[in-house]
Amino acid sequence: AHTVGFSHCSKFSNRIYNFSRQSAVDRTLNRAYATQLQQMCPKNVDPRIAINMDPNTPRAFDNVYYKNLQQGKGLFTSDQVLFTDKRSRPVVNAWAANSNTFNSAFTTAMTKLGRVGVKTGRKGNIRRNCDAFN
């Protein structure tokens, strides 16, 4: 899950304009937030335009991202599903309620990730663009 960063409007535009046959806007999205996103990313906007993933504390690494999910303010469907899915909702609630719990879980995860072997040479791939292989 993202806590700091930005996204180009094109990555989530279907969620605010063409979500489904039943609803143009994703119904799990907070209505006021959806309107705000539409104002910041109008149809046919320059694809280079980007907005913050966290509308409240975009430059801070904190647990507010999870509070946003509770309010329907997850920028991506893949983020919002963390709260709408009953299997992951307890974790979102725990991290939203207690920044120390979130920080501890993050520290544990990063420690585990640091133990993963780095692939180098022909076995590795350092991407120039994070969403495409070189």
C-alpha atoms as a PDB file:
ATOM      1  CA  ALA A   1       0.000   0.000   0.000  1.00  0.00           C
ATOM      2  CA  HIS A   2       1.120   3.534  -0.714  1.00  0.00           C
ATOM      3  CA  THR A   3       1.563   6.118   1.978  1.00  0.00           C
ATOM      4  CA  VAL A   4       3.677   8.745   0.208  1.00  0.00           C
ATOM      5  CA  GLY A   5       3.658   9.553  -3.485  1.00  0.00           C
ATOM      6  CA  PHE A   6       1.623  10.700  -6.438  1.00  0.00           C
ATOM      7  CA  SER A   7      -0.126   9.232  -9.442  1.00  0.00           C
ATOM      8  CA  HIS A   8      -0.860  10.432 -12.929  1.00  0.00           C
ATOM      9  CA  CYS A   9      -4.558  11.035 -13.558  1.00  0.00           C
ATOM     10  CA  SER A  10      -4.684   8.403 -16.309  1.00  0.00           C
ATOM     11  CA  LYS A  11      -3.934   5.593 -13.793  1.00  0.00           C
ATOM     12  CA  PHE A  12      -7.274   6.004 -11.967  1.00  0.00           C
ATOM     13  CA  SER A  13      -9.519   7.904 -14.412  1.00  0.00           C
ATOM     14  CA  ASN A  14     -11.770   4.876 -15.049  1.00  0.00           C
ATOM     15  CA  ARG A  15     -12.627   4.906 -11.374  1.00  0.00           C
ATOM     16  CA  ILE A  16     -14.072   8.421 -11.529  1.00  0.00           C
ATOM     17  CA  TYR A  17     -15.541   8.434 -15.050  1.00  0.00           C
ATOM     18  CA  ASN A  18     -16.154   4.922 -16.443  1.00  0.00           C
ATOM     19  CA  PHE A  19     -16.261   2.527 -13.517  1.00  0.00           C
ATOM     20  CA  SER A  20     -19.099   0.230 -14.613  1.00  0.00           C
ATOM     21  CA  ARG A  21     -22.345   0.077 -16.545  1.00  0.00           C
ATOM     22  CA  GLN A  22     -24.254   0.673 -13.322  1.00  0.00           C
ATOM     23  CA  SER A  23     -22.191   3.597 -12.053  1.00  0.00           C
ATOM     24  CA  ALA A  24     -19.752   5.965 -13.747  1.00  0.00           C
ATOM     25  CA  VAL A  25     -18.039   6.561 -10.391  1.00  0.00           C
ATOM     26  CA  ASP A  26     -16.856   3.735  -8.131  1.00  0.00           C
ATOM     27  CA  ARG A  27     -19.413   3.541  -5.326  1.00  0.00           C
ATOM     28  CA  THR A  28     -16.734   2.709  -2.743  1.00  0.00           C
ATOM     29  CA  LEU A  29     -15.208   6.134  -3.387  1.00  0.00           C
ATOM     30  CA  ASN A  30     -16.182   8.962  -1.039  1.00  0.00           C
ATOM     31  CA  ARG A  31     -18.495  11.259  -3.073  1.00  0.00           C
ATOM     32  CA  ALA A  32     -16.796  14.507  -2.083  1.00  0.00           C
ATOM     33  CA  TYR A  33     -13.379  12.993  -2.803  1.00  0.00           C
ATOM     34  CA  ALA A  34     -14.610  11.739  -6.196  1.00  0.00           C
ATOM     35  CA  THR A  35     -15.756  15.266  -7.062  1.00  0.00           C
ATOM     36  CA  GLN A  36     -12.394  16.644  -5.951  1.00  0.00           C
ATOM     37  CA  LEU A  37     -10.586  14.089  -8.137  1.00  0.00           C
ATOM     38  CA  GLN A  38     -12.771  14.995 -11.121  1.00  0.00           C
ATOM     39  CA  GLN A  39     -11.902  18.672 -10.636  1.00  0.00           C
ATOM     40  CA  MET A  40      -8.180  17.930 -10.428  1.00  0.00           C
ATOM     41  CA  CYS A  41      -8.290  15.406 -13.297  1.00  0.00           C
ATOM     42  CA  PRO A  42     -10.991  16.440 -15.750  1.00  0.00           C
ATOM     43  CA  LYS A  43     -11.732  14.221 -18.767  1.00  0.00           C
ATOM     44  CA  ASN A  44      -9.046  14.391 -21.436  1.00  0.00           C
ATOM     45  CA  VAL A  45      -6.578  16.011 -19.040  1.00  0.00           C
ATOM     46  CA  ASP A  46      -2.909  16.016 -19.959  1.00  0.00           C
ATOM     47  CA  PRO A  47      -1.728  12.505 -18.927  1.00  0.00           C
ATOM     48  CA  ARG A  48       1.346  14.017 -17.284  1.00  0.00           C
ATOM     49  CA  ILE A  49      -0.792  15.750 -14.638  1.00  0.00           C
ATOM     50  CA  ALA A  50      -0.367  14.044 -11.274  1.00  0.00           C
ATOM     51  CA  ILE A  51      -2.008  14.277  -7.872  1.00  0.00           C
ATOM     52  CA  ASN A  52      -1.080  13.113  -4.387  1.00  0.00           C
ATOM     53  CA  MET A  53      -2.103   9.601  -3.372  1.00  0.00           C
ATOM     54  CA  ASP A  54      -2.783  10.804   0.153  1.00  0.00           C
ATOM     55  CA  PRO A  55      -5.089  13.843   0.120  1.00  0.00           C
ATOM     56  CA  ASN A  56      -4.470  14.719   3.780  1.00  0.00           C
ATOM     57  CA  THR A  57      -0.779  14.241   4.592  1.00  0.00           C
ATOM     58  CA  PRO A  58       0.878  13.744   1.184  1.00  0.00           C
ATOM     59  CA  ARG A  59       4.440  14.434   2.317  1.00  0.00           C
ATOM     60  CA  ALA A  60       4.369  12.492   5.590  1.00  0.00           C
ATOM     61  CA  PHE A  61       4.988   8.811   6.134  1.00  0.00           C
ATOM     62  CA  ASP A  62       2.191   8.061   8.575  1.00  0.00           C
ATOM     63  CA  ASN A  63      -0.940   6.007   9.200  1.00  0.00           C
ATOM     64  CA  VAL A  64      -3.334   8.643   7.786  1.00  0.00           C
ATOM     65  CA  TYR A  65      -3.421   6.666   4.535  1.00  0.00           C
ATOM     66  CA  TYR A  66      -5.366   3.976   6.430  1.00  0.00           C
ATOM     67  CA  LYS A  67      -7.703   6.556   7.956  1.00  0.00           C
ATOM     68  CA  ASN A  68      -8.364   7.738   4.398  1.00  0.00           C
ATOM     69  CA  LEU A  69      -9.338   4.199   3.390  1.00  0.00           C
ATOM     70  CA  GLN A  70     -11.885   4.115   6.210  1.00  0.00           C
ATOM     71  CA  GLN A  71     -13.438   7.250   4.699  1.00  0.00           C
ATOM     72  CA  GLY A  72     -13.503   5.948   1.108  1.00  0.00           C
ATOM     73  CA  LYS A  73     -10.497   8.012   0.039  1.00  0.00           C
ATOM     74  CA  GLY A  74      -8.278   5.323  -1.444  1.00  0.00           C
ATOM     75  CA  LEU A  75      -7.052   6.637  -4.785  1.00  0.00           C
ATOM     76  CA  PHE A  76      -6.860   3.230  -6.463  1.00  0.00           C
ATOM     77  CA  THR A  77      -9.398   0.414  -6.357  1.00  0.00           C
ATOM     78  CA  SER A  78      -6.568  -1.871  -5.269  1.00  0.00           C
ATOM     79  CA  ASP A  79      -6.010   0.405  -2.257  1.00  0.00           C
ATOM     80  CA  GLN A  80      -9.670   0.834  -1.305  1.00  0.00           C
ATOM     81  CA  VAL A  81     -10.253  -2.914  -1.397  1.00  0.00           C
ATOM     82  CA  LEU A  82      -7.984  -3.188   1.630  1.00  0.00           C
ATOM     83  CA  PHE A  83     -10.852  -1.663   3.592  1.00  0.00           C
ATOM     84  CA  THR A  84     -13.846  -3.017   1.665  1.00  0.00           C
ATOM     85  CA  ASP A  85     -12.597  -6.613   1.885  1.00  0.00           C
ATOM     86  CA  LYS A  86     -13.558  -8.092   5.255  1.00  0.00           C
ATOM     87  CA  ARG A  87     -10.318 -10.114   5.345  1.00  0.00           C
ATOM     88  CA  SER A  88      -8.025  -7.064   5.382  1.00  0.00           C
ATOM     89  CA  ARG A  89     -10.342  -4.518   7.038  1.00  0.00           C
ATOM     90  CA  PRO A  90      -9.181  -5.416  10.596  1.00  0.00           C
ATOM     91  CA  VAL A  91      -5.583  -4.585   9.647  1.00  0.00           C
ATOM     92  CA  VAL A  92      -6.635  -1.251   8.113  1.00  0.00           C
ATOM     93  CA  ASN A  93      -8.619  -0.441  11.254  1.00  0.00           C
ATOM     94  CA  ALA A  94      -5.731  -1.393  13.546  1.00  0.00           C
ATOM     95  CA  TRP A  95      -3.202   0.686  11.614  1.00  0.00           C
ATOM     96  CA  ALA A  96      -5.603   3.638  11.322  1.00  0.00           C
ATOM     97  CA  ALA A  97      -6.258   3.583  15.063  1.00  0.00           C
ATOM     98  CA  ASN A  98      -2.659   3.391  16.229  1.00  0.00           C
ATOM     99  CA  SER A  99       0.373   4.891  14.506  1.00  0.00           C
ATOM    100  CA  ASN A 100       2.733   2.856  16.702  1.00  0.00           C
ATOM    101  CA  THR A 101       1.109  -0.380  15.518  1.00  0.00           C
ATOM    102  CA  PHE A 102       1.511   0.743  11.896  1.00  0.00           C
ATOM    103  CA  ASN A 103       5.140   1.812  12.418  1.00  0.00           C
ATOM    104  CA  SER A 104       5.983  -1.482  14.120  1.00  0.00           C
ATOM    105  CA  ALA A 105       4.405  -3.530  11.320  1.00  0.00           C
ATOM    106  CA  PHE A 106       6.252  -1.466   8.714  1.00  0.00           C
ATOM    107  CA  THR A 107       9.575  -1.954  10.508  1.00  0.00           C
ATOM    108  CA  THR A 108       8.991  -5.717  10.662  1.00  0.00           C
ATOM    109  CA  ALA A 109       8.075  -5.856   6.959  1.00  0.00           C
ATOM    110  CA  MET A 110      11.100  -3.819   5.886  1.00  0.00           C
ATOM    111  CA  THR A 111      13.397  -5.991   7.998  1.00  0.00           C
ATOM    112  CA  LYS A 112      12.024  -9.112   6.281  1.00  0.00           C
ATOM    113  CA  LEU A 113      12.320  -7.479   2.872  1.00  0.00           C
ATOM    114  CA  GLY A 114      15.927  -6.616   3.610  1.00  0.00           C
ATOM    115  CA  ARG A 115      16.662 -10.328   3.938  1.00  0.00           C
ATOM    116  CA  VAL A 116      15.476 -11.060   0.399  1.00  0.00           C
ATOM    117  CA  GLY A 117      18.392 -11.697  -1.924  1.00  0.00           C
ATOM    118  CA  VAL A 118      19.001  -9.047  -4.556  1.00  0.00           C
ATOM    119  CA  LYS A 119      19.194 -10.352  -8.117  1.00  0.00           C
ATOM    120  CA  THR A 120      22.082  -8.937 -10.080  1.00  0.00           C
ATOM    121  CA  GLY A 121      23.514  -9.237 -13.564  1.00  0.00           C
ATOM    122  CA  ARG A 122      21.384 -11.245 -16.007  1.00  0.00           C
ATOM    123  CA  LYS A 123      19.147 -12.443 -13.167  1.00  0.00           C
ATOM    124  CA  GLY A 124      18.113  -8.942 -12.137  1.00  0.00           C
ATOM    125  CA  ASN A 125      16.281  -6.019 -13.698  1.00  0.00           C
ATOM    126  CA  ILE A 126      16.446  -2.474 -12.380  1.00  0.00           C
ATOM    127  CA  ARG A 127      13.451  -0.807 -13.979  1.00  0.00           C
ATOM    128  CA  ARG A 128      13.663   2.645 -15.495  1.00  0.00           C
ATOM    129  CA  ASN A 129       9.842   2.785 -15.393  1.00  0.00           C
ATOM    130  CA  CYS A 130       8.298   0.954 -12.427  1.00  0.00           C
ATOM    131  CA  ASP A 131       5.306  -0.400 -14.373  1.00  0.00           C
ATOM    132  CA  ALA A 132       7.234  -1.892 -17.320  1.00  0.00           C
ATOM    133  CA  PHE A 133      10.201  -4.190 -17.874  1.00  0.00           C
ATOM    134  CA  ASN A 134      13.197  -2.593 -19.607  1.00  0.00           C
END
